[in-house]
Amino acid sequence: MRILVTGASGGIGAAICSKFLDNGHEVFGMDIAPAAVTHEHYTHIVHDICCEPYPEIEGVEVLINSAGVQRQSADDIAVNLTAVIAVTEHYAFQDRIRSVVQIASASGLTGSEFPHYAASKGGLVAYTKNIALRLAKYGACANSLCPGGVITDLNKHILEDEKLYQAVLDESLLHRWAEPCEIAEWAYFLACVNRSMTGENLLIDNGEALKANFIW
């Protein structure tokens, strides 16, 4: 299948590209940064998702929006929500589409982290339901993934501080953060295996949101 992944140059996005390439798909990656993946079936497009018009890519069958920022400002909404909506509207609504997967965040469900960031990811979860309603006529699915802590460069300041890292691990039931390849596995399942779930969200947070201390 023909796959388009935004935010393809690092972290979760790069891992998603590799997962689909390893399974024989044709992948187009879009990012403002150079390619992080080299493969005969990979095409990298350097483009800012905030800037229209978008490059023409015919017959996208799977769209995965992994691009995002955490700048603690209105930029978070501009990139994580407004631009993602524009990308989706441009590429997804056509006859060959099979699946749309949005990489949101656990903070979009819990409201934690920074205000604009949490709002942008919460909006993305809601927008995914809207996509599902409108993609149904194509027989296509749309779902969102909400990762909790993931080991990426975005979280480098935590990962390199022993006390901070221990503190965040203590907030999860499983006492761990996910690797990008784990989130890629979920994205692949939603895009290529799943045919019946649509308009839903999966929370992948090692039990952070569930953790509670029972006092009796």
N, C-alpha and C. Protein backbone atom coordinates (compact mmCIF):
# COMPACT_ATOMS: atom_id res chain seq x y z
N MET A 1 0.83 -1.20 0.00
CA MET A 1 0.00 0.00 0.00
C MET A 1 0.87 1.25 0.00
N ARG A 2 0.28 2.34 -0.38
CA ARG A 2 0.97 3.63 -0.40
C ARG A 2 0.66 4.38 0.89
N ILE A 3 1.72 4.66 1.67
CA ILE A 3 1.59 5.22 3.00
C ILE A 3 2.20 6.63 3.03
N LEU A 4 1.52 7.56 3.67
CA LEU A 4 2.08 8.89 3.91
C LEU A 4 2.19 9.11 5.41
N VAL A 5 3.40 9.44 5.86
CA VAL A 5 3.66 9.68 7.28
C VAL A 5 4.20 11.08 7.44
N THR A 6 3.52 11.92 8.22
CA THR A 6 4.07 13.23 8.53
C THR A 6 4.90 13.13 9.81
N GLY A 7 5.83 14.07 9.98
CA GLY A 7 6.74 13.99 11.12
C GLY A 7 7.64 12.78 11.03
N ALA A 8 8.12 12.53 9.82
CA ALA A 8 8.81 11.26 9.52
C ALA A 8 10.28 11.24 9.88
N SER A 9 10.84 12.36 10.31
CA SER A 9 12.29 12.44 10.46
C SER A 9 12.83 12.09 11.85
N GLY A 10 11.97 11.70 12.74
CA GLY A 10 12.50 11.35 14.07
C GLY A 10 11.47 10.68 14.93
N GLY A 11 11.92 10.07 16.01
CA GLY A 11 11.04 9.52 17.04
C GLY A 11 10.01 8.56 16.51
N ILE A 12 8.77 8.79 16.89
CA ILE A 12 7.67 7.90 16.51
C ILE A 12 7.48 7.86 15.00
N GLY A 13 7.56 9.01 14.34
CA GLY A 13 7.35 9.05 12.90
C GLY A 13 8.34 8.21 12.13
N ALA A 14 9.62 8.30 12.49
CA ALA A 14 10.65 7.50 11.81
C ALA A 14 10.43 6.02 12.07
N ALA A 15 10.04 5.68 13.29
CA ALA A 15 9.77 4.28 13.63
C ALA A 15 8.60 3.74 12.82
N ILE A 16 7.58 4.56 12.62
CA ILE A 16 6.43 4.15 11.82
C ILE A 16 6.84 3.90 10.37
N CYS A 17 7.64 4.80 9.83
CA CYS A 17 8.14 4.61 8.46
C CYS A 17 8.86 3.27 8.33
N SER A 18 9.76 2.98 9.26
CA SER A 18 10.53 1.74 9.22
C SER A 18 9.63 0.52 9.32
N LYS A 19 8.61 0.58 10.16
CA LYS A 19 7.69 -0.55 10.33
C LYS A 19 6.98 -0.87 9.02
N PHE A 20 6.48 0.15 8.35
CA PHE A 20 5.76 -0.09 7.10
C PHE A 20 6.70 -0.54 5.99
N LEU A 21 7.89 0.03 5.93
CA LEU A 21 8.87 -0.39 4.93
C LEU A 21 9.28 -1.83 5.14
N ASP A 22 9.46 -2.23 6.39
CA ASP A 22 9.83 -3.61 6.70
C ASP A 22 8.75 -4.60 6.27
N ASN A 23 7.54 -4.10 6.13
CA ASN A 23 6.43 -4.96 5.74
C ASN A 23 6.04 -4.79 4.27
N GLY A 24 6.94 -4.17 3.50
CA GLY A 24 6.78 -4.16 2.05
C GLY A 24 5.93 -3.06 1.46
N HIS A 25 5.66 -2.02 2.22
CA HIS A 25 4.83 -0.94 1.72
C HIS A 25 5.67 0.17 1.09
N GLU A 26 5.03 0.98 0.27
CA GLU A 26 5.65 2.18 -0.30
C GLU A 26 5.35 3.34 0.64
N VAL A 27 6.40 4.01 1.11
CA VAL A 27 6.22 5.04 2.14
C VAL A 27 6.71 6.39 1.65
N PHE A 28 5.89 7.40 1.84
CA PHE A 28 6.27 8.80 1.64
C PHE A 28 6.34 9.44 3.02
N GLY A 29 7.47 10.05 3.32
CA GLY A 29 7.63 10.75 4.58
C GLY A 29 7.68 12.25 4.35
N MET A 30 7.02 13.01 5.22
CA MET A 30 7.01 14.46 5.09
C MET A 30 7.47 15.08 6.41
N ASP A 31 8.44 16.00 6.32
CA ASP A 31 8.98 16.63 7.53
C ASP A 31 9.76 17.86 7.11
N ILE A 32 9.97 18.77 8.06
CA ILE A 32 10.81 19.94 7.77
C ILE A 32 12.29 19.57 7.85
N ALA A 33 12.60 18.43 8.44
CA ALA A 33 13.98 17.97 8.60
C ALA A 33 14.33 16.92 7.54
N PRO A 34 15.63 16.68 7.31
CA PRO A 34 16.03 15.67 6.33
C PRO A 34 15.57 14.27 6.73
N ALA A 35 15.67 13.36 5.80
CA ALA A 35 15.22 11.98 6.02
C ALA A 35 16.04 11.30 7.11
N ALA A 36 15.35 10.48 7.89
CA ALA A 36 16.01 9.65 8.88
C ALA A 36 16.03 8.19 8.45
N VAL A 37 15.35 7.90 7.35
CA VAL A 37 15.20 6.54 6.84
C VAL A 37 15.73 6.48 5.42
N THR A 38 16.47 5.42 5.11
CA THR A 38 16.95 5.18 3.75
C THR A 38 16.43 3.83 3.29
N HIS A 39 15.70 3.83 2.19
CA HIS A 39 15.12 2.58 1.68
C HIS A 39 14.69 2.80 0.24
N GLU A 40 14.76 1.76 -0.57
CA GLU A 40 14.41 1.91 -1.99
C GLU A 40 12.94 2.26 -2.20
N HIS A 41 12.11 1.93 -1.24
CA HIS A 41 10.69 2.23 -1.36
C HIS A 41 10.25 3.42 -0.50
N TYR A 42 11.24 4.23 -0.11
CA TYR A 42 10.94 5.40 0.70
C TYR A 42 11.24 6.67 -0.08
N THR A 43 10.29 7.61 -0.05
CA THR A 43 10.46 8.93 -0.66
C THR A 43 10.29 9.97 0.43
N HIS A 44 11.30 10.81 0.59
CA HIS A 44 11.22 11.84 1.63
C HIS A 44 10.93 13.19 1.00
N ILE A 45 9.97 13.91 1.59
CA ILE A 45 9.57 15.22 1.11
C ILE A 45 9.82 16.23 2.23
N VAL A 46 10.69 17.19 1.98
CA VAL A 46 10.94 18.24 2.96
C VAL A 46 9.88 19.33 2.76
N HIS A 47 8.97 19.38 3.73
CA HIS A 47 7.86 20.33 3.62
C HIS A 47 7.29 20.59 5.00
N ASP A 48 6.94 21.83 5.27
CA ASP A 48 6.32 22.24 6.52
C ASP A 48 4.81 22.02 6.41
N ILE A 49 4.24 21.19 7.30
CA ILE A 49 2.81 20.90 7.18
C ILE A 49 1.93 22.12 7.44
N CYS A 50 2.52 23.18 7.99
CA CYS A 50 1.76 24.42 8.20
C CYS A 50 1.63 25.23 6.92
N CYS A 51 2.31 24.80 5.87
CA CYS A 51 2.35 25.60 4.64
C CYS A 51 1.62 24.89 3.49
N GLU A 52 0.56 25.50 3.03
CA GLU A 52 -0.13 25.03 1.83
C GLU A 52 0.35 25.87 0.65
N PRO A 53 0.31 25.32 -0.59
CA PRO A 53 -0.24 24.03 -0.98
C PRO A 53 0.69 22.87 -0.62
N TYR A 54 0.11 21.68 -0.55
CA TYR A 54 0.87 20.49 -0.22
C TYR A 54 1.34 19.78 -1.49
N PRO A 55 2.44 19.05 -1.38
CA PRO A 55 2.93 18.27 -2.54
C PRO A 55 1.87 17.26 -2.98
N GLU A 56 1.78 17.05 -4.26
CA GLU A 56 0.81 16.08 -4.77
C GLU A 56 1.37 14.66 -4.62
N ILE A 57 0.63 13.83 -3.93
CA ILE A 57 0.96 12.42 -3.78
C ILE A 57 -0.31 11.66 -4.13
N GLU A 58 -0.33 11.02 -5.26
CA GLU A 58 -1.53 10.37 -5.75
C GLU A 58 -1.81 9.07 -5.00
N GLY A 59 -3.07 8.83 -4.74
CA GLY A 59 -3.51 7.53 -4.25
C GLY A 59 -3.00 7.13 -2.88
N VAL A 60 -2.99 8.06 -1.93
CA VAL A 60 -2.60 7.71 -0.57
C VAL A 60 -3.64 6.75 0.00
N GLU A 61 -3.16 5.59 0.48
CA GLU A 61 -4.07 4.59 1.04
C GLU A 61 -4.10 4.64 2.57
N VAL A 62 -2.98 5.03 3.16
CA VAL A 62 -2.91 5.17 4.62
C VAL A 62 -2.23 6.50 4.92
N LEU A 63 -2.88 7.30 5.74
CA LEU A 63 -2.30 8.56 6.21
C LEU A 63 -2.06 8.47 7.71
N ILE A 64 -0.82 8.69 8.12
CA ILE A 64 -0.50 8.70 9.54
C ILE A 64 0.10 10.06 9.89
N ASN A 65 -0.61 10.81 10.70
CA ASN A 65 -0.14 12.12 11.13
C ASN A 65 0.62 11.99 12.43
N SER A 66 1.95 12.03 12.32
CA SER A 66 2.81 11.94 13.50
C SER A 66 3.50 13.26 13.81
N ALA A 67 3.41 14.22 12.90
CA ALA A 67 4.06 15.51 13.10
C ALA A 67 3.47 16.23 14.30
N GLY A 68 4.33 16.85 15.09
CA GLY A 68 3.85 17.60 16.24
C GLY A 68 4.97 18.32 16.95
N VAL A 69 4.60 19.35 17.70
CA VAL A 69 5.57 20.12 18.47
C VAL A 69 5.05 20.31 19.89
N GLN A 70 5.95 20.71 20.77
CA GLN A 70 5.58 21.03 22.14
C GLN A 70 6.35 22.28 22.55
N ARG A 71 5.86 23.42 22.10
CA ARG A 71 6.57 24.69 22.29
C ARG A 71 5.97 25.54 23.41
N GLN A 72 4.95 25.03 24.06
CA GLN A 72 4.30 25.74 25.16
C GLN A 72 3.75 27.08 24.70
N SER A 73 3.18 27.08 23.49
CA SER A 73 2.62 28.32 22.93
C SER A 73 1.52 27.96 21.95
N ALA A 74 0.95 28.99 21.32
CA ALA A 74 -0.09 28.76 20.32
C ALA A 74 0.42 27.99 19.12
N ASP A 75 1.74 27.91 18.95
CA ASP A 75 2.31 27.09 17.87
C ASP A 75 1.86 25.65 17.99
N ASP A 76 1.65 25.19 19.22
CA ASP A 76 1.23 23.80 19.42
C ASP A 76 -0.11 23.54 18.73
N ILE A 77 -1.03 24.47 18.84
CA ILE A 77 -2.32 24.31 18.18
C ILE A 77 -2.18 24.46 16.67
N ALA A 78 -1.35 25.40 16.23
CA ALA A 78 -1.15 25.63 14.80
C ALA A 78 -0.59 24.39 14.10
N VAL A 79 0.37 23.73 14.74
CA VAL A 79 1.00 22.56 14.13
C VAL A 79 0.21 21.28 14.41
N ASN A 80 -0.07 21.03 15.68
CA ASN A 80 -0.62 19.75 16.10
C ASN A 80 -2.08 19.55 15.73
N LEU A 81 -2.79 20.64 15.51
CA LEU A 81 -4.22 20.52 15.21
C LEU A 81 -4.58 21.16 13.87
N THR A 82 -4.34 22.46 13.74
CA THR A 82 -4.77 23.16 12.52
C THR A 82 -4.10 22.58 11.28
N ALA A 83 -2.78 22.38 11.34
CA ALA A 83 -2.06 21.85 10.18
C ALA A 83 -2.42 20.39 9.91
N VAL A 84 -2.61 19.62 10.97
CA VAL A 84 -2.99 18.22 10.79
C VAL A 84 -4.37 18.11 10.13
N ILE A 85 -5.28 18.99 10.51
CA ILE A 85 -6.58 19.02 9.84
C ILE A 85 -6.41 19.31 8.36
N ALA A 86 -5.58 20.29 8.03
CA ALA A 86 -5.38 20.66 6.62
C ALA A 86 -4.77 19.51 5.83
N VAL A 87 -3.78 18.83 6.41
CA VAL A 87 -3.15 17.69 5.74
C VAL A 87 -4.17 16.58 5.49
N THR A 88 -4.95 16.30 6.51
CA THR A 88 -5.93 15.22 6.39
C THR A 88 -6.99 15.54 5.35
N GLU A 89 -7.48 16.76 5.36
CA GLU A 89 -8.49 17.14 4.39
C GLU A 89 -7.94 17.04 2.96
N HIS A 90 -6.66 17.31 2.81
CA HIS A 90 -6.05 17.29 1.47
C HIS A 90 -5.84 15.87 0.95
N TYR A 91 -5.34 14.98 1.81
CA TYR A 91 -4.91 13.66 1.32
C TYR A 91 -5.90 12.53 1.57
N ALA A 92 -6.76 12.65 2.56
CA ALA A 92 -7.52 11.47 2.99
C ALA A 92 -8.82 11.25 2.22
N PHE A 93 -9.44 12.31 1.77
CA PHE A 93 -10.80 12.16 1.24
C PHE A 93 -10.78 11.90 -0.26
N GLN A 94 -10.48 10.64 -0.58
CA GLN A 94 -10.43 10.19 -1.98
C GLN A 94 -10.61 8.67 -1.99
N ASP A 95 -10.89 8.15 -3.16
CA ASP A 95 -11.39 6.78 -3.29
C ASP A 95 -10.43 5.69 -2.81
N ARG A 96 -9.13 5.94 -2.83
CA ARG A 96 -8.18 4.87 -2.47
C ARG A 96 -7.86 4.82 -0.98
N ILE A 97 -8.35 5.77 -0.22
CA ILE A 97 -8.00 5.80 1.20
C ILE A 97 -8.56 4.57 1.92
N ARG A 98 -7.74 4.04 2.81
CA ARG A 98 -8.14 2.87 3.59
C ARG A 98 -8.14 3.17 5.09
N SER A 99 -7.18 3.99 5.53
CA SER A 99 -7.09 4.25 6.97
C SER A 99 -6.38 5.56 7.25
N VAL A 100 -6.83 6.24 8.30
CA VAL A 100 -6.15 7.41 8.84
C VAL A 100 -5.86 7.13 10.31
N VAL A 101 -4.61 7.37 10.70
CA VAL A 101 -4.20 7.19 12.10
C VAL A 101 -3.58 8.49 12.57
N GLN A 102 -4.11 9.03 13.65
CA GLN A 102 -3.58 10.27 14.22
C GLN A 102 -2.78 9.92 15.48
N ILE A 103 -1.55 10.43 15.56
CA ILE A 103 -0.75 10.26 16.77
C ILE A 103 -1.03 11.46 17.67
N ALA A 104 -1.86 11.25 18.66
CA ALA A 104 -2.22 12.31 19.59
C ALA A 104 -1.32 12.20 20.83
N SER A 105 -1.88 12.28 22.01
CA SER A 105 -1.08 12.21 23.24
C SER A 105 -2.01 11.93 24.42
N ALA A 106 -1.47 11.23 25.41
CA ALA A 106 -2.24 10.98 26.63
C ALA A 106 -2.71 12.28 27.27
N SER A 107 -1.95 13.35 27.08
CA SER A 107 -2.34 14.63 27.68
C SER A 107 -3.62 15.18 27.06
N GLY A 108 -3.95 14.73 25.85
CA GLY A 108 -5.20 15.13 25.23
C GLY A 108 -6.41 14.52 25.91
N LEU A 109 -6.18 13.49 26.73
CA LEU A 109 -7.25 12.85 27.49
C LEU A 109 -7.25 13.29 28.95
N THR A 110 -6.05 13.50 29.50
CA THR A 110 -5.95 13.82 30.92
C THR A 110 -5.87 15.32 31.19
N GLY A 111 -5.47 16.10 30.17
CA GLY A 111 -5.32 17.54 30.36
C GLY A 111 -3.99 17.93 30.99
N SER A 112 -3.12 16.96 31.22
CA SER A 112 -1.83 17.27 31.83
C SER A 112 -0.89 17.88 30.79
N GLU A 113 0.27 18.28 31.20
CA GLU A 113 1.28 18.97 30.39
C GLU A 113 0.86 20.42 30.19
N PHE A 114 1.24 21.01 29.07
CA PHE A 114 1.06 22.45 28.86
C PHE A 114 -0.29 22.73 28.20
N PRO A 115 -0.91 23.89 28.51
CA PRO A 115 -2.28 24.16 28.07
C PRO A 115 -2.51 24.02 26.56
N HIS A 116 -1.69 24.69 25.75
CA HIS A 116 -1.90 24.65 24.31
C HIS A 116 -1.65 23.24 23.76
N TYR A 117 -0.66 22.57 24.33
CA TYR A 117 -0.34 21.21 23.86
C TYR A 117 -1.50 20.26 24.17
N ALA A 118 -1.98 20.28 25.42
CA ALA A 118 -3.08 19.41 25.81
C ALA A 118 -4.32 19.70 24.95
N ALA A 119 -4.59 20.97 24.72
CA ALA A 119 -5.75 21.34 23.91
C ALA A 119 -5.60 20.85 22.47
N SER A 120 -4.40 20.97 21.93
CA SER A 120 -4.18 20.55 20.54
C SER A 120 -4.39 19.06 20.38
N LYS A 121 -3.92 18.27 21.33
CA LYS A 121 -4.04 16.82 21.23
C LYS A 121 -5.46 16.35 21.55
N GLY A 122 -6.13 17.03 22.48
CA GLY A 122 -7.53 16.73 22.74
C GLY A 122 -8.39 17.02 21.52
N GLY A 123 -8.09 18.13 20.85
CA GLY A 123 -8.80 18.47 19.63
C GLY A 123 -8.57 17.44 18.54
N LEU A 124 -7.37 16.90 18.49
CA LEU A 124 -7.05 15.89 17.48
C LEU A 124 -7.85 14.61 17.69
N VAL A 125 -8.04 14.23 18.95
CA VAL A 125 -8.86 13.06 19.25
C VAL A 125 -10.30 13.29 18.78
N ALA A 126 -10.84 14.47 19.05
CA ALA A 126 -12.21 14.79 18.63
C ALA A 126 -12.31 14.85 17.11
N TYR A 127 -11.32 15.46 16.47
CA TYR A 127 -11.33 15.57 15.00
C TYR A 127 -11.30 14.19 14.35
N THR A 128 -10.61 13.24 14.97
CA THR A 128 -10.54 11.89 14.42
C THR A 128 -11.93 11.27 14.31
N LYS A 129 -12.79 11.55 15.28
CA LYS A 129 -14.16 11.03 15.21
C LYS A 129 -14.91 11.65 14.04
N ASN A 130 -14.66 12.93 13.80
CA ASN A 130 -15.26 13.59 12.66
C ASN A 130 -14.79 12.97 11.34
N ILE A 131 -13.49 12.66 11.27
CA ILE A 131 -12.95 12.01 10.07
C ILE A 131 -13.64 10.67 9.84
N ALA A 132 -13.78 9.89 10.93
CA ALA A 132 -14.38 8.56 10.81
C ALA A 132 -15.78 8.64 10.22
N LEU A 133 -16.56 9.63 10.66
CA LEU A 133 -17.90 9.80 10.13
C LEU A 133 -17.89 10.05 8.63
N ARG A 134 -16.94 10.83 8.18
CA ARG A 134 -16.91 11.22 6.76
C ARG A 134 -16.16 10.24 5.87
N LEU A 135 -15.29 9.41 6.46
CA LEU A 135 -14.55 8.41 5.67
C LEU A 135 -15.33 7.12 5.48
N ALA A 136 -16.39 6.95 6.25
CA ALA A 136 -17.13 5.68 6.19
C ALA A 136 -17.62 5.36 4.78
N LYS A 137 -17.97 6.37 4.01
CA LYS A 137 -18.47 6.12 2.65
C LYS A 137 -17.41 5.50 1.74
N TYR A 138 -16.13 5.63 2.13
CA TYR A 138 -15.05 5.01 1.37
C TYR A 138 -14.72 3.61 1.92
N GLY A 139 -15.40 3.19 2.99
CA GLY A 139 -15.07 1.93 3.64
C GLY A 139 -13.78 2.02 4.42
N ALA A 140 -13.39 3.22 4.80
CA ALA A 140 -12.12 3.46 5.49
C ALA A 140 -12.33 3.73 6.97
N CYS A 141 -11.28 3.48 7.75
CA CYS A 141 -11.30 3.69 9.20
C CYS A 141 -10.44 4.89 9.58
N ALA A 142 -10.78 5.53 10.69
CA ALA A 142 -9.95 6.60 11.25
C ALA A 142 -9.92 6.43 12.76
N ASN A 143 -8.73 6.35 13.32
CA ASN A 143 -8.56 6.18 14.76
C ASN A 143 -7.37 6.99 15.23
N SER A 144 -7.31 7.21 16.54
CA SER A 144 -6.19 7.95 17.12
C SER A 144 -5.47 7.10 18.15
N LEU A 145 -4.19 7.40 18.31
CA LEU A 145 -3.35 6.78 19.33
C LEU A 145 -2.92 7.87 20.30
N CYS A 146 -3.02 7.60 21.59
CA CYS A 146 -2.57 8.55 22.60
C CYS A 146 -1.44 7.92 23.42
N PRO A 147 -0.19 8.11 22.99
CA PRO A 147 0.92 7.60 23.78
C PRO A 147 1.12 8.41 25.05
N GLY A 148 1.57 7.75 26.10
CA GLY A 148 2.06 8.45 27.29
C GLY A 148 3.53 8.76 27.08
N GLY A 149 4.35 8.46 28.07
CA GLY A 149 5.78 8.72 27.92
C GLY A 149 6.42 7.82 26.88
N VAL A 150 7.19 8.42 25.98
CA VAL A 150 7.90 7.68 24.93
C VAL A 150 9.35 8.13 24.92
N ILE A 151 10.25 7.20 24.71
CA ILE A 151 11.68 7.50 24.72
C ILE A 151 12.09 8.10 23.39
N THR A 152 12.02 9.42 23.29
CA THR A 152 12.39 10.16 22.08
C THR A 152 13.23 11.37 22.46
N ASP A 153 13.80 12.00 21.45
CA ASP A 153 14.63 13.19 21.69
C ASP A 153 13.83 14.33 22.30
N LEU A 154 12.52 14.36 22.05
CA LEU A 154 11.67 15.40 22.63
C LEU A 154 11.73 15.37 24.15
N ASN A 155 11.95 14.18 24.70
CA ASN A 155 12.00 14.00 26.15
C ASN A 155 13.42 13.83 26.67
N LYS A 156 14.38 14.28 25.90
CA LYS A 156 15.78 14.08 26.23
C LYS A 156 16.16 14.67 27.59
N HIS A 157 15.59 15.83 27.91
CA HIS A 157 15.93 16.49 29.17
C HIS A 157 15.49 15.66 30.38
N ILE A 158 14.44 14.87 30.21
CA ILE A 158 13.99 13.98 31.28
C ILE A 158 14.84 12.72 31.32
N LEU A 159 15.06 12.15 30.15
CA LEU A 159 15.79 10.88 30.06
C LEU A 159 17.22 11.00 30.59
N GLU A 160 17.80 12.19 30.46
CA GLU A 160 19.19 12.38 30.89
C GLU A 160 19.31 12.86 32.34
N ASP A 161 18.18 13.07 33.00
CA ASP A 161 18.18 13.48 34.40
C ASP A 161 17.65 12.31 35.23
N GLU A 162 18.51 11.68 35.97
CA GLU A 162 18.14 10.45 36.69
C GLU A 162 16.94 10.66 37.62
N LYS A 163 16.91 11.77 38.33
CA LYS A 163 15.82 12.01 39.27
C LYS A 163 14.49 12.25 38.54
N LEU A 164 14.55 13.05 37.48
CA LEU A 164 13.33 13.30 36.71
C LEU A 164 12.81 12.02 36.08
N TYR A 165 13.71 11.24 35.50
CA TYR A 165 13.29 10.02 34.84
C TYR A 165 12.68 9.04 35.83
N GLN A 166 13.28 8.93 37.00
CA GLN A 166 12.74 8.04 38.04
C GLN A 166 11.35 8.53 38.47
N ALA A 167 11.20 9.83 38.56
CA ALA A 167 9.91 10.39 38.98
C ALA A 167 8.80 10.07 37.98
N VAL A 168 9.10 10.19 36.68
CA VAL A 168 8.06 9.90 35.70
C VAL A 168 7.78 8.40 35.62
N LEU A 169 8.79 7.58 35.79
CA LEU A 169 8.56 6.14 35.79
C LEU A 169 7.66 5.73 36.96
N ASP A 170 7.84 6.41 38.08
CA ASP A 170 7.04 6.11 39.27
C ASP A 170 5.56 6.46 39.07
N GLU A 171 5.27 7.26 38.04
CA GLU A 171 3.89 7.65 37.77
C GLU A 171 3.13 6.60 36.96
N SER A 172 3.83 5.57 36.47
CA SER A 172 3.16 4.54 35.67
C SER A 172 3.08 3.22 36.42
N LEU A 173 2.03 2.46 36.14
CA LEU A 173 1.86 1.16 36.79
C LEU A 173 2.98 0.20 36.42
N LEU A 174 3.39 0.21 35.16
CA LEU A 174 4.39 -0.73 34.67
C LEU A 174 5.81 -0.21 34.83
N HIS A 175 5.96 0.97 35.38
CA HIS A 175 7.27 1.55 35.68
C HIS A 175 8.19 1.57 34.45
N ARG A 176 7.64 2.07 33.35
CA ARG A 176 8.43 2.15 32.12
C ARG A 176 7.80 3.16 31.18
N TRP A 177 8.59 3.58 30.21
CA TRP A 177 8.10 4.34 29.08
C TRP A 177 8.19 3.47 27.84
N ALA A 178 7.40 3.80 26.83
CA ALA A 178 7.40 3.04 25.59
C ALA A 178 8.56 3.44 24.69
N GLU A 179 9.00 2.50 23.87
CA GLU A 179 9.93 2.79 22.78
C GLU A 179 9.13 3.21 21.55
N PRO A 180 9.70 4.06 20.68
CA PRO A 180 8.98 4.45 19.47
C PRO A 180 8.49 3.27 18.64
N CYS A 181 9.27 2.18 18.60
CA CYS A 181 8.87 1.02 17.81
C CYS A 181 7.59 0.39 18.33
N GLU A 182 7.31 0.53 19.63
CA GLU A 182 6.06 0.01 20.18
C GLU A 182 4.86 0.79 19.65
N ILE A 183 4.99 2.10 19.61
CA ILE A 183 3.90 2.93 19.08
C ILE A 183 3.71 2.64 17.59
N ALA A 184 4.81 2.38 16.89
CA ALA A 184 4.73 2.03 15.47
C ALA A 184 3.95 0.74 15.26
N GLU A 185 4.11 -0.21 16.16
CA GLU A 185 3.35 -1.46 16.07
C GLU A 185 1.85 -1.20 16.16
N TRP A 186 1.45 -0.35 17.09
CA TRP A 186 0.04 0.00 17.24
C TRP A 186 -0.47 0.71 15.99
N ALA A 187 0.34 1.64 15.45
CA ALA A 187 -0.07 2.36 14.25
C ALA A 187 -0.26 1.40 13.08
N TYR A 188 0.65 0.43 12.97
CA TYR A 188 0.54 -0.55 11.89
C TYR A 188 -0.72 -1.39 12.04
N PHE A 189 -1.00 -1.81 13.27
CA PHE A 189 -2.21 -2.58 13.52
C PHE A 189 -3.45 -1.80 13.11
N LEU A 190 -3.54 -0.56 13.55
CA LEU A 190 -4.72 0.25 13.23
C LEU A 190 -4.87 0.47 11.73
N ALA A 191 -3.75 0.64 11.05
CA ALA A 191 -3.78 0.98 9.63
C ALA A 191 -3.99 -0.23 8.72
N CYS A 192 -3.37 -1.35 9.07
CA CYS A 192 -3.31 -2.48 8.13
C CYS A 192 -4.02 -3.75 8.58
N VAL A 193 -4.20 -3.92 9.88
CA VAL A 193 -4.86 -5.12 10.38
C VAL A 193 -6.33 -4.83 10.70
N ASN A 194 -6.55 -3.77 11.42
CA ASN A 194 -7.91 -3.38 11.81
C ASN A 194 -8.77 -3.04 10.60
N ARG A 195 -9.98 -3.59 10.58
CA ARG A 195 -10.95 -3.22 9.56
C ARG A 195 -12.30 -2.83 10.16
N SER A 196 -12.45 -3.00 11.48
CA SER A 196 -13.77 -2.83 12.09
C SER A 196 -13.86 -1.73 13.13
N MET A 197 -12.73 -1.29 13.67
CA MET A 197 -12.76 -0.22 14.67
C MET A 197 -12.53 1.11 13.99
N THR A 198 -13.43 2.06 14.23
CA THR A 198 -13.25 3.39 13.65
C THR A 198 -13.83 4.44 14.59
N GLY A 199 -13.22 5.62 14.57
CA GLY A 199 -13.66 6.70 15.44
C GLY A 199 -13.28 6.51 16.89
N GLU A 200 -12.30 5.65 17.14
CA GLU A 200 -11.92 5.33 18.51
C GLU A 200 -10.50 5.80 18.81
N ASN A 201 -10.15 5.74 20.09
CA ASN A 201 -8.82 6.14 20.54
C ASN A 201 -8.21 5.04 21.40
N LEU A 202 -6.92 4.81 21.22
CA LEU A 202 -6.19 3.86 22.05
C LEU A 202 -5.19 4.62 22.92
N LEU A 203 -5.26 4.39 24.22
CA LEU A 203 -4.34 5.01 25.18
C LEU A 203 -3.22 4.03 25.47
N ILE A 204 -1.99 4.41 25.14
CA ILE A 204 -0.82 3.54 25.34
C ILE A 204 0.12 4.26 26.31
N ASP A 205 -0.11 4.07 27.62
CA ASP A 205 0.62 4.89 28.59
C ASP A 205 1.22 4.11 29.76
N ASN A 206 1.34 2.78 29.60
CA ASN A 206 1.90 1.94 30.67
C ASN A 206 1.14 2.07 31.99
N GLY A 207 -0.14 2.43 31.88
CA GLY A 207 -0.98 2.49 33.07
C GLY A 207 -0.87 3.78 33.87
N GLU A 208 -0.32 4.84 33.25
CA GLU A 208 -0.14 6.09 33.99
C GLU A 208 -1.48 6.72 34.39
N ALA A 209 -2.42 6.77 33.44
CA ALA A 209 -3.71 7.39 33.75
C ALA A 209 -4.51 6.58 34.77
N LEU A 210 -4.27 5.27 34.78
CA LEU A 210 -5.02 4.39 35.68
C LEU A 210 -4.47 4.39 37.11
N LYS A 211 -3.21 4.72 37.26
CA LYS A 211 -2.57 4.58 38.55
C LYS A 211 -3.31 5.37 39.64
N ALA A 212 -3.56 4.70 40.74
CA ALA A 212 -4.25 5.35 41.86
C ALA A 212 -3.84 4.65 43.14
N ASN A 213 -3.82 5.38 44.22
CA ASN A 213 -3.52 4.81 45.53
C ASN A 213 -4.83 4.62 46.30
N PHE A 214 -5.15 3.37 46.62
CA PHE A 214 -6.38 3.05 47.33
C PHE A 214 -6.15 3.25 48.83
N ILE A 215 -6.95 4.11 49.41
CA ILE A 215 -6.84 4.39 50.84
C ILE A 215 -8.09 3.92 51.56
N TRP A 216 -7.90 3.13 52.58
CA TRP A 216 -9.04 2.52 53.31
C TRP A 216 -8.97 2.83 54.79
